[in-house]
PDB file of N, CA and C in Angstrom:
ATOM      1  N   MET A   1       0.845  -1.188   0.000  1.00  0.00           N
ATOM      2  CA  MET A   1       0.000   0.000   0.000  1.00  0.00           C
ATOM      3  C   MET A   1       0.887   1.247   0.000  1.00  0.00           C
ATOM      4  N   GLU A   2       0.569   2.192  -0.861  1.00  0.00           N
ATOM      5  CA  GLU A   2       1.360   3.408  -0.954  1.00  0.00           C
ATOM      6  C   GLU A   2       1.062   4.345   0.212  1.00  0.00           C
ATOM      7  N   ASN A   3       2.075   5.098   0.617  1.00  0.00           N
ATOM      8  CA  ASN A   3       1.878   6.104   1.659  1.00  0.00           C
ATOM      9  C   ASN A   3       1.128   7.289   1.069  1.00  0.00           C
ATOM     10  N   LYS A   4       0.213   7.814   1.854  1.00  0.00           N
ATOM     11  CA  LYS A   4      -0.527   8.998   1.456  1.00  0.00           C
ATOM     12  C   LYS A   4      -0.210  10.102   2.448  1.00  0.00           C
ATOM     13  N   SER A   5      -0.253  11.329   1.970  1.00  0.00           N
ATOM     14  CA  SER A   5      -0.072  12.449   2.886  1.00  0.00           C
ATOM     15  C   SER A   5      -0.923  13.630   2.431  1.00  0.00           C
ATOM     16  N   PHE A   6      -1.390  14.379   3.400  1.00  0.00           N
ATOM     17  CA  PHE A   6      -2.162  15.594   3.146  1.00  0.00           C
ATOM     18  C   PHE A   6      -1.765  16.585   4.231  1.00  0.00           C
ATOM     19  N   GLU A   7      -1.183  17.684   3.834  1.00  0.00           N
ATOM     20  CA  GLU A   7      -0.667  18.651   4.794  1.00  0.00           C
ATOM     21  C   GLU A   7      -1.191  20.039   4.459  1.00  0.00           C
ATOM     22  N   VAL A   8      -1.696  20.704   5.480  1.00  0.00           N
ATOM     23  CA  VAL A   8      -2.185  22.074   5.319  1.00  0.00           C
ATOM     24  C   VAL A   8      -1.400  22.947   6.292  1.00  0.00           C
ATOM     25  N   LYS A   9      -0.885  24.043   5.775  1.00  0.00           N
ATOM     26  CA  LYS A   9      -0.126  24.971   6.606  1.00  0.00           C
ATOM     27  C   LYS A   9      -0.699  26.362   6.414  1.00  0.00           C
ATOM     28  N   PHE A  10      -1.011  27.019   7.536  1.00  0.00           N
ATOM     29  CA  PHE A  10      -1.498  28.386   7.519  1.00  0.00           C
ATOM     30  C   PHE A  10      -0.388  29.283   8.050  1.00  0.00           C
ATOM     31  N   VAL A  11      -0.011  30.286   7.281  1.00  0.00           N
ATOM     32  CA  VAL A  11       1.030  31.225   7.686  1.00  0.00           C
ATOM     33  C   VAL A  11       0.367  32.581   7.901  1.00  0.00           C
ATOM     34  N   LEU A  12       0.456  33.081   9.133  1.00  0.00           N
ATOM     35  CA  LEU A  12      -0.127  34.380   9.468  1.00  0.00           C
ATOM     36  C   LEU A  12       1.007  35.374   9.663  1.00  0.00           C
ATOM     37  N   ASP A  13       0.949  36.499   8.951  1.00  0.00           N
ATOM     38  CA  ASP A  13       2.000  37.501   9.114  1.00  0.00           C
ATOM     39  C   ASP A  13       1.576  38.535  10.154  1.00  0.00           C
ATOM     40  N   LYS A  14       2.450  39.504  10.390  1.00  0.00           N
ATOM     41  CA  LYS A  14       2.188  40.494  11.442  1.00  0.00           C
ATOM     42  C   LYS A  14       0.975  41.371  11.155  1.00  0.00           C
ATOM     43  N   ASN A  15       0.521  41.415   9.906  1.00  0.00           N
ATOM     44  CA  ASN A  15      -0.671  42.184   9.538  1.00  0.00           C
ATOM     45  C   ASN A  15      -1.924  41.316   9.511  1.00  0.00           C
ATOM     46  N   ASN A  16      -1.825  40.097  10.038  1.00  0.00           N
ATOM     47  CA  ASN A  16      -2.920  39.128  10.079  1.00  0.00           C
ATOM     48  C   ASN A  16      -3.376  38.674   8.701  1.00  0.00           C
ATOM     49  N   ASN A  17      -2.498  38.783   7.708  1.00  0.00           N
ATOM     50  CA  ASN A  17      -2.775  38.181   6.406  1.00  0.00           C
ATOM     51  C   ASN A  17      -2.524  36.682   6.529  1.00  0.00           C
ATOM     52  N   ILE A  18      -3.320  35.904   5.852  1.00  0.00           N
ATOM     53  CA  ILE A  18      -3.211  34.449   5.945  1.00  0.00           C
ATOM     54  C   ILE A  18      -2.830  33.880   4.592  1.00  0.00           C
ATOM     55  N   GLN A  19      -1.790  33.049   4.591  1.00  0.00           N
ATOM     56  CA  GLN A  19      -1.416  32.290   3.410  1.00  0.00           C
ATOM     57  C   GLN A  19      -1.685  30.825   3.713  1.00  0.00           C
ATOM     58  N   THR A  20      -2.250  30.127   2.773  1.00  0.00           N
ATOM     59  CA  THR A  20      -2.526  28.707   2.940  1.00  0.00           C
ATOM     60  C   THR A  20      -1.662  27.921   1.974  1.00  0.00           C
ATOM     61  N   GLN A  21      -0.946  26.944   2.509  1.00  0.00           N
ATOM     62  CA  GLN A  21      -0.113  26.078   1.682  1.00  0.00           C
ATOM     63  C   GLN A  21      -0.614  24.645   1.866  1.00  0.00           C
ATOM     64  N   ILE A  22      -0.908  23.969   0.762  1.00  0.00           N
ATOM     65  CA  ILE A  22      -1.419  22.601   0.829  1.00  0.00           C
ATOM     66  C   ILE A  22      -0.503  21.698   0.022  1.00  0.00           C
ATOM     67  N   SER A  23      -0.111  20.597   0.641  1.00  0.00           N
ATOM     68  CA  SER A  23       0.654  19.588  -0.088  1.00  0.00           C
ATOM     69  C   SER A  23      -0.108  18.276   0.007  1.00  0.00           C
ATOM     70  N   ASN A  24      -0.158  17.558  -1.090  1.00  0.00           N
ATOM     71  CA  ASN A  24      -1.013  16.388  -1.194  1.00  0.00           C
ATOM     72  C   ASN A  24      -0.274  15.292  -1.958  1.00  0.00           C
ATOM     73  N   LYS A  25      -0.296  14.098  -1.413  1.00  0.00           N
ATOM     74  CA  LYS A  25       0.306  12.962  -2.111  1.00  0.00           C
ATOM     75  C   LYS A  25      -0.645  11.768  -2.001  1.00  0.00           C
ATOM     76  N   GLY A  26      -1.319  11.485  -3.086  1.00  0.00           N
ATOM     77  CA  GLY A  26      -2.167  10.296  -3.141  1.00  0.00           C
ATOM     78  C   GLY A  26      -3.496  10.388  -2.419  1.00  0.00           C
ATOM     79  N   VAL A  27      -3.938  11.591  -2.069  1.00  0.00           N
ATOM     80  CA  VAL A  27      -5.206  11.770  -1.358  1.00  0.00           C
ATOM     81  C   VAL A  27      -6.202  12.418  -2.320  1.00  0.00           C
ATOM     82  N   SER A  28      -7.349  11.780  -2.478  1.00  0.00           N
ATOM     83  CA  SER A  28      -8.372  12.320  -3.375  1.00  0.00           C
ATOM     84  C   SER A  28      -9.032  13.546  -2.745  1.00  0.00           C
ATOM     85  N   PRO A  29      -9.670  14.384  -3.544  1.00  0.00           N
ATOM     86  CA  PRO A  29     -10.373  15.552  -2.989  1.00  0.00           C
ATOM     87  C   PRO A  29     -11.421  15.163  -1.935  1.00  0.00           C
ATOM     88  N   THR A  30     -12.113  14.076  -2.158  1.00  0.00           N
ATOM     89  CA  THR A  30     -13.116  13.622  -1.185  1.00  0.00           C
ATOM     90  C   THR A  30     -12.460  13.219   0.132  1.00  0.00           C
ATOM     91  N   GLU A  31     -11.336  12.499   0.047  1.00  0.00           N
ATOM     92  CA  GLU A  31     -10.607  12.125   1.266  1.00  0.00           C
ATOM     93  C   GLU A  31     -10.090  13.366   1.985  1.00  0.00           C
ATOM     94  N   ALA A  32      -9.593  14.343   1.237  1.00  0.00           N
ATOM     95  CA  ALA A  32      -9.072  15.572   1.836  1.00  0.00           C
ATOM     96  C   ALA A  32     -10.164  16.294   2.616  1.00  0.00           C
ATOM     97  N   ILE A  33     -11.344  16.386   2.037  1.00  0.00           N
ATOM     98  CA  ILE A  33     -12.467  17.033   2.730  1.00  0.00           C
ATOM     99  C   ILE A  33     -12.812  16.269   4.003  1.00  0.00           C
ATOM    100  N   GLY A  34     -12.819  14.946   3.930  1.00  0.00           N
ATOM    101  CA  GLY A  34     -13.085  14.134   5.120  1.00  0.00           C
ATOM    102  C   GLY A  34     -12.046  14.355   6.203  1.00  0.00           C
ATOM    103  N   LEU A  35     -10.773  14.445   5.816  1.00  0.00           N
ATOM    104  CA  LEU A  35      -9.705  14.686   6.792  1.00  0.00           C
ATOM    105  C   LEU A  35      -9.867  16.055   7.445  1.00  0.00           C
ATOM    106  N   LEU A  36     -10.187  17.063   6.655  1.00  0.00           N
ATOM    107  CA  LEU A  36     -10.401  18.401   7.210  1.00  0.00           C
ATOM    108  C   LEU A  36     -11.589  18.419   8.174  1.00  0.00           C
ATOM    109  N   GLU A  37     -12.642  17.697   7.847  1.00  0.00           N
ATOM    110  CA  GLU A  37     -13.813  17.612   8.737  1.00  0.00           C
ATOM    111  C   GLU A  37     -13.438  16.924  10.055  1.00  0.00           C
ATOM    112  N   MET A  38     -12.626  15.863   9.981  1.00  0.00           N
ATOM    113  CA  MET A  38     -12.193  15.170  11.197  1.00  0.00           C
ATOM    114  C   MET A  38     -11.390  16.103  12.096  1.00  0.00           C
ATOM    115  N   VAL A  39     -10.467  16.844  11.520  1.00  0.00           N
ATOM    116  CA  VAL A  39      -9.648  17.769  12.303  1.00  0.00           C
ATOM    117  C   VAL A  39     -10.510  18.848  12.932  1.00  0.00           C
ATOM    118  N   LYS A  40     -11.451  19.384  12.148  1.00  0.00           N
ATOM    119  CA  LYS A  40     -12.354  20.412  12.681  1.00  0.00           C
ATOM    120  C   LYS A  40     -13.131  19.868  13.877  1.00  0.00           C
ATOM    121  N   ASP A  41     -13.653  18.661  13.754  1.00  0.00           N
ATOM    122  CA  ASP A  41     -14.414  18.053  14.848  1.00  0.00           C
ATOM    123  C   ASP A  41     -13.543  17.852  16.082  1.00  0.00           C
ATOM    124  N   GLN A  42     -12.294  17.407  15.896  1.00  0.00           N
ATOM    125  CA  GLN A  42     -11.386  17.197  17.027  1.00  0.00           C
ATOM    126  C   GLN A  42     -11.039  18.524  17.702  1.00  0.00           C
ATOM    127  N   MET A  43     -10.811  19.556  16.898  1.00  0.00           N
ATOM    128  CA  MET A  43     -10.503  20.867  17.471  1.00  0.00           C
ATOM    129  C   MET A  43     -11.697  21.432  18.232  1.00  0.00           C
ATOM    130  N   MET A  44     -12.885  21.292  17.685  1.00  0.00           N
ATOM    131  CA  MET A  44     -14.085  21.774  18.371  1.00  0.00           C
ATOM    132  C   MET A  44     -14.307  21.016  19.675  1.00  0.00           C
ATOM    133  N   ASP A  45     -14.044  19.718  19.668  1.00  0.00           N
ATOM    134  CA  ASP A  45     -14.171  18.911  20.885  1.00  0.00           C
ATOM    135  C   ASP A  45     -13.184  19.396  21.946  1.00  0.00           C
ATOM    136  N   ASN A  46     -11.942  19.662  21.542  1.00  0.00           N
ATOM    137  CA  ASN A  46     -10.950  20.188  22.482  1.00  0.00           C
ATOM    138  C   ASN A  46     -11.379  21.544  23.033  1.00  0.00           C
ATOM    139  N   LEU A  47     -11.938  22.378  22.184  1.00  0.00           N
ATOM    140  CA  LEU A  47     -12.413  23.694  22.616  1.00  0.00           C
ATOM    141  C   LEU A  47     -13.547  23.551  23.625  1.00  0.00           C
ATOM    142  N   ARG A  48     -14.501  22.651  23.348  1.00  0.00           N
ATOM    143  CA  ARG A  48     -15.617  22.420  24.270  1.00  0.00           C
ATOM    144  C   ARG A  48     -15.133  21.898  25.615  1.00  0.00           C
ATOM    145  N   LYS A  49     -14.065  21.102  25.612  1.00  0.00           N
ATOM    146  CA  LYS A  49     -13.518  20.536  26.853  1.00  0.00           C
ATOM    147  C   LYS A  49     -12.622  21.525  27.580  1.00  0.00           C
ATOM    148  N   GLY A  50     -12.413  22.713  26.998  1.00  0.00           N
ATOM    149  CA  GLY A  50     -11.631  23.747  27.649  1.00  0.00           C
ATOM    150  C   GLY A  50     -10.136  23.469  27.669  1.00  0.00           C
ATOM    151  N   ARG A  51      -9.663  22.697  26.727  1.00  0.00           N
ATOM    152  CA  ARG A  51      -8.228  22.397  26.683  1.00  0.00           C
ATOM    153  C   ARG A  51      -7.450  23.651  26.328  1.00  0.00           C
ATOM    154  N   LYS A  52      -6.296  23.809  26.974  1.00  0.00           N
ATOM    155  CA  LYS A  52      -5.474  24.997  26.735  1.00  0.00           C
ATOM    156  C   LYS A  52      -4.942  25.033  25.313  1.00  0.00           C
ATOM    157  N   ASN A  53      -4.511  23.892  24.791  1.00  0.00           N
ATOM    158  CA  ASN A  53      -3.974  23.851  23.434  1.00  0.00           C
ATOM    159  C   ASN A  53      -4.913  23.023  22.563  1.00  0.00           C
ATOM    160  N   MET A  54      -5.868  23.689  21.968  1.00  0.00           N
ATOM    161  CA  MET A  54      -6.849  22.960  21.156  1.00  0.00           C
ATOM    162  C   MET A  54      -6.257  22.443  19.870  1.00  0.00           C
ATOM    163  N   PHE A  55      -5.039  22.882  19.519  1.00  0.00           N
ATOM    164  CA  PHE A  55      -4.394  22.445  18.292  1.00  0.00           C
ATOM    165  C   PHE A  55      -3.549  21.199  18.493  1.00  0.00           C
ATOM    166  N   ASP A  56      -3.403  20.740  19.719  1.00  0.00           N
ATOM    167  CA  ASP A  56      -2.589  19.563  20.006  1.00  0.00           C
ATOM    168  C   ASP A  56      -3.428  18.323  19.752  1.00  0.00           C
ATOM    169  N   ILE A  57      -3.414  17.885  18.510  1.00  0.00           N
ATOM    170  CA  ILE A  57      -4.228  16.741  18.087  1.00  0.00           C
ATOM    171  C   ILE A  57      -3.291  15.656  17.573  1.00  0.00           C
ATOM    172  N   LYS A  58      -3.428  14.483  18.120  1.00  0.00           N
ATOM    173  CA  LYS A  58      -2.582  13.384  17.670  1.00  0.00           C
ATOM    174  C   LYS A  58      -3.477  12.220  17.256  1.00  0.00           C
ATOM    175  N   GLY A  59      -3.081  11.565  16.204  1.00  0.00           N
ATOM    176  CA  GLY A  59      -3.836  10.404  15.735  1.00  0.00           C
ATOM    177  C   GLY A  59      -2.889   9.259  15.439  1.00  0.00           C
ATOM    178  N   ASP A  60      -3.419   8.148  15.033  1.00  0.00           N
ATOM    179  CA  ASP A  60      -2.603   6.993  14.683  1.00  0.00           C
ATOM    180  C   ASP A  60      -1.904   7.232  13.370  1.00  0.00           C
ATOM    181  N   LEU A  61      -0.625   6.938  13.333  1.00  0.00           N
ATOM    182  CA  LEU A  61       0.132   7.035  12.099  1.00  0.00           C
ATOM    183  C   LEU A  61       0.554   5.654  11.659  1.00  0.00           C
TER     184      LEU A  61
END
């Protein structure tokens, strides 16, 4: 089975401009949307639980 990767990077500058960089290897658009939805759900869950670092999300690799 081939390795797949999907990486999203948001770069915020001092003027609060946002640049989005996406790198994709072997992930279909539908899979990418599903991955983004999973991350959003995990972040919202962390926010609801009052976690200090809602971005600290780890999954199985």
